[in-house]
Each structure stands twice: as C-alpha cells, then as structure tokens.
C-alpha cells in the first residue's frame, strides 16, 4: 500500500527518468500529460505532492500551478517544478530567477534536473530530485 500519492504532470519523455526514482519510495505515481487531465486527476484523488514539469502544457506549467493554488482543496499541496529536459531557446538558465518566479505563483520550489545532471552527473541529479520529493512529502 502506497503511503503517498504523487501527481507527475509533464510530457512522458521528460518524466521517464524522474519517475523511476519515485518507484520504491512508498508512493503511488499518477501521470498527466495534459492540463485538463492533471486538474481532473488532482481533484479526484488529492495528491500529497505535485511534480510539474517545466515543459508541461507547452512550456506553461504556471497555468497548472495557479489553478491549483486557486482551489481550496489544493492550496496546501506542495508543488515542485522540475526541468528534466534541456532548454533550446536560451544559452544559460537562471535557476534562482526561475525559482523566485515560480514561488511567487505558489510553487514550493523549482529544480533543474538537467542542469544538475550536466554539473554533477546523472546519479547525483537523481538523488537530489529524490531527496527533494521526500523532503516535501515528509513536510
């Protein structure tokens, strides 16, 4: 029996690696690849954590964040924004600026898995993601 429910909202390609980290962590993971499905799934089974990909909803994850924060039943669910894929539009990502922007919308945090992987290697980046998920689940 799963201890926690996690909604992972992103493209299947972006979340394949990250989803594997969640296996075996006493979690039940639900995938949503569209905005509508993410809202429906979140409302129907009330996750303990939402992991929303940076590339979700055609690179508009803020749409889901602001929607969830407006709902009384979801206002206290931690929301973790994760960038799992490389950015092609900009040369360098300003993680601190993105973190501040997403927090101002109501997200709990922003993690750049891809940037961490480039700097510290895949295993370290996966551990960082797993540790962040556990930290938010345990409060």
Protein backbone atom coordinates (compact mmCIF):
# COMPACT_ATOMS: atom_id res chain seq x y z
CA UNK A 1 0.00 0.00 0.00
CA UNK A 2 1.37 3.38 -1.00
CA UNK A 3 1.96 5.90 1.73
CA UNK A 4 1.86 8.94 -0.56
CA UNK A 5 0.21 9.92 -3.85
CA UNK A 6 2.18 11.99 -6.34
CA UNK A 7 0.88 13.61 -9.49
CA UNK A 8 3.55 13.91 -12.18
CA UNK A 9 2.42 16.39 -14.82
CA UNK A 10 4.70 16.59 -17.84
CA UNK A 11 5.44 15.04 -21.18
CA UNK A 12 6.18 11.34 -20.97
CA UNK A 13 9.63 11.93 -22.40
CA UNK A 14 10.57 14.49 -19.76
CA UNK A 15 9.49 12.46 -16.77
CA UNK A 16 10.68 8.98 -17.70
CA UNK A 17 13.94 9.25 -15.72
CA UNK A 18 12.46 11.09 -12.79
CA UNK A 19 9.51 8.76 -12.44
CA UNK A 20 11.87 5.80 -12.00
CA UNK A 21 13.38 7.49 -8.94
CA UNK A 22 9.98 7.57 -7.28
CA UNK A 23 9.44 3.83 -7.59
CA UNK A 24 10.01 2.03 -4.31
CA UNK A 25 9.52 5.17 -2.22
CA UNK A 26 6.12 4.12 -0.84
CA UNK A 27 4.42 6.29 -3.44
CA UNK A 28 1.68 5.86 -5.97
CA UNK A 29 2.54 7.92 -9.06
CA UNK A 30 -0.07 9.22 -11.46
CA UNK A 31 0.92 10.71 -14.81
CA UNK A 32 -0.89 13.53 -16.54
CA UNK A 33 0.25 14.72 -19.94
CA UNK A 34 -2.42 17.39 -20.41
CA UNK A 35 -3.61 20.31 -18.33
CA UNK A 36 -7.17 19.01 -18.21
CA UNK A 37 -6.09 15.53 -17.10
CA UNK A 38 -3.80 16.99 -14.42
CA UNK A 39 -6.64 19.08 -12.97
CA UNK A 40 -9.08 16.14 -13.08
CA UNK A 41 -6.61 13.69 -11.53
CA UNK A 42 -5.57 16.11 -8.80
CA UNK A 43 -9.16 16.82 -7.87
CA UNK A 44 -10.27 13.19 -7.89
CA UNK A 45 -7.55 11.65 -5.71
CA UNK A 46 -5.87 14.62 -3.96
CA UNK A 47 -2.12 14.03 -4.26
CA UNK A 48 0.30 14.69 -1.42
CA UNK A 49 2.72 16.30 -3.92
CA UNK A 50 2.52 17.60 -7.48
CA UNK A 51 5.63 17.39 -9.63
CA UNK A 52 5.05 19.66 -12.60
CA UNK A 53 7.49 19.63 -15.47
CA UNK A 54 8.90 22.82 -16.88
CA UNK A 55 7.85 21.62 -20.35
CA UNK A 56 4.30 20.70 -19.27
CA UNK A 57 1.35 22.28 -21.10
CA UNK A 58 3.52 23.53 -23.98
CA UNK A 59 6.02 25.06 -21.51
CA UNK A 60 3.27 26.70 -19.44
CA UNK A 61 3.43 24.88 -16.09
CA UNK A 62 2.39 28.10 -14.34
CA UNK A 63 -1.13 27.52 -15.65
CA UNK A 64 -1.49 24.39 -13.51
CA UNK A 65 0.25 25.98 -10.51
CA UNK A 66 -2.05 28.99 -10.46
CA UNK A 67 -5.11 26.78 -10.96
CA UNK A 68 -4.22 24.51 -8.04
CA UNK A 69 -3.42 27.44 -5.76
CA UNK A 70 -6.85 28.93 -6.50
CA UNK A 71 -8.61 25.73 -5.35
CA UNK A 72 -9.24 25.48 -1.61
CA UNK A 73 -8.71 21.70 -1.64
CA UNK A 74 -5.27 22.08 -3.26
CA UNK A 75 -3.93 25.23 -1.65
CA UNK A 76 -1.56 23.38 0.69
CA UNK A 77 -0.31 20.66 -1.69
CA UNK A 78 3.43 21.16 -2.33
CA UNK A 79 4.18 21.80 -5.99
CA UNK A 80 7.65 21.06 -7.29
CA UNK A 81 8.55 22.43 -10.74
CA UNK A 82 11.21 20.29 -12.41
CA UNK A 83 13.11 20.91 -15.63
CA UNK A 84 14.11 17.48 -16.89
CA UNK A 85 14.93 18.40 -20.50
CA UNK A 86 17.46 20.84 -21.94
CA UNK A 87 16.42 24.33 -22.93
CA UNK A 88 16.97 25.21 -26.56
CA UNK A 89 15.83 28.83 -26.50
CA UNK A 90 18.35 30.26 -24.07
CA UNK A 91 22.03 29.59 -23.55
CA UNK A 92 22.06 29.70 -19.77
CA UNK A 93 19.29 29.12 -17.28
CA UNK A 94 18.93 31.47 -14.33
CA UNK A 95 17.73 28.94 -11.76
CA UNK A 96 17.42 31.50 -8.95
CA UNK A 97 15.25 33.78 -11.08
CA UNK A 98 13.04 30.89 -12.20
CA UNK A 99 12.74 29.63 -8.62
CA UNK A 100 11.65 33.09 -7.42
CA UNK A 101 9.16 33.45 -10.29
CA UNK A 102 7.54 30.07 -9.67
CA UNK A 103 7.44 30.63 -5.92
CA UNK A 104 5.63 33.92 -6.49
CA UNK A 105 2.95 31.91 -8.34
CA UNK A 106 2.63 29.45 -5.48
CA UNK A 107 5.07 26.68 -6.38
CA UNK A 108 7.04 25.25 -3.47
CA UNK A 109 10.31 25.01 -5.39
CA UNK A 110 12.00 24.79 -8.78
CA UNK A 111 14.62 22.14 -9.57
CA UNK A 112 16.66 21.90 -12.72
CA UNK A 113 17.38 18.19 -13.01
CA UNK A 114 19.01 18.68 -16.39
CA UNK A 115 21.39 21.40 -15.19
CA UNK A 116 22.31 19.35 -12.10
CA UNK A 117 22.97 16.36 -14.33
CA UNK A 118 25.32 18.40 -16.52
CA UNK A 119 27.21 19.73 -13.48
CA UNK A 120 27.26 16.74 -11.11
CA UNK A 121 26.29 13.69 -13.15
CA UNK A 122 23.09 11.76 -13.56
CA UNK A 123 23.24 9.80 -10.29
CA UNK A 124 23.75 12.93 -8.19
CA UNK A 125 20.93 14.74 -10.02
CA UNK A 126 18.57 11.80 -9.45
CA UNK A 127 19.48 11.69 -5.74
CA UNK A 128 18.86 15.45 -5.48
CA UNK A 129 15.41 15.02 -7.04
CA UNK A 130 14.56 12.03 -4.82
CA UNK A 131 15.69 13.91 -1.70
CA UNK A 132 13.57 16.94 -2.64
CA UNK A 133 10.50 14.74 -3.18
CA UNK A 134 10.97 13.00 0.17
CA UNK A 135 11.54 16.34 1.92
CA UNK A 136 8.25 17.74 0.60
CA UNK A 137 6.32 14.56 1.33
CA UNK A 138 7.54 14.41 4.90
CA UNK A 139 6.85 18.10 5.44
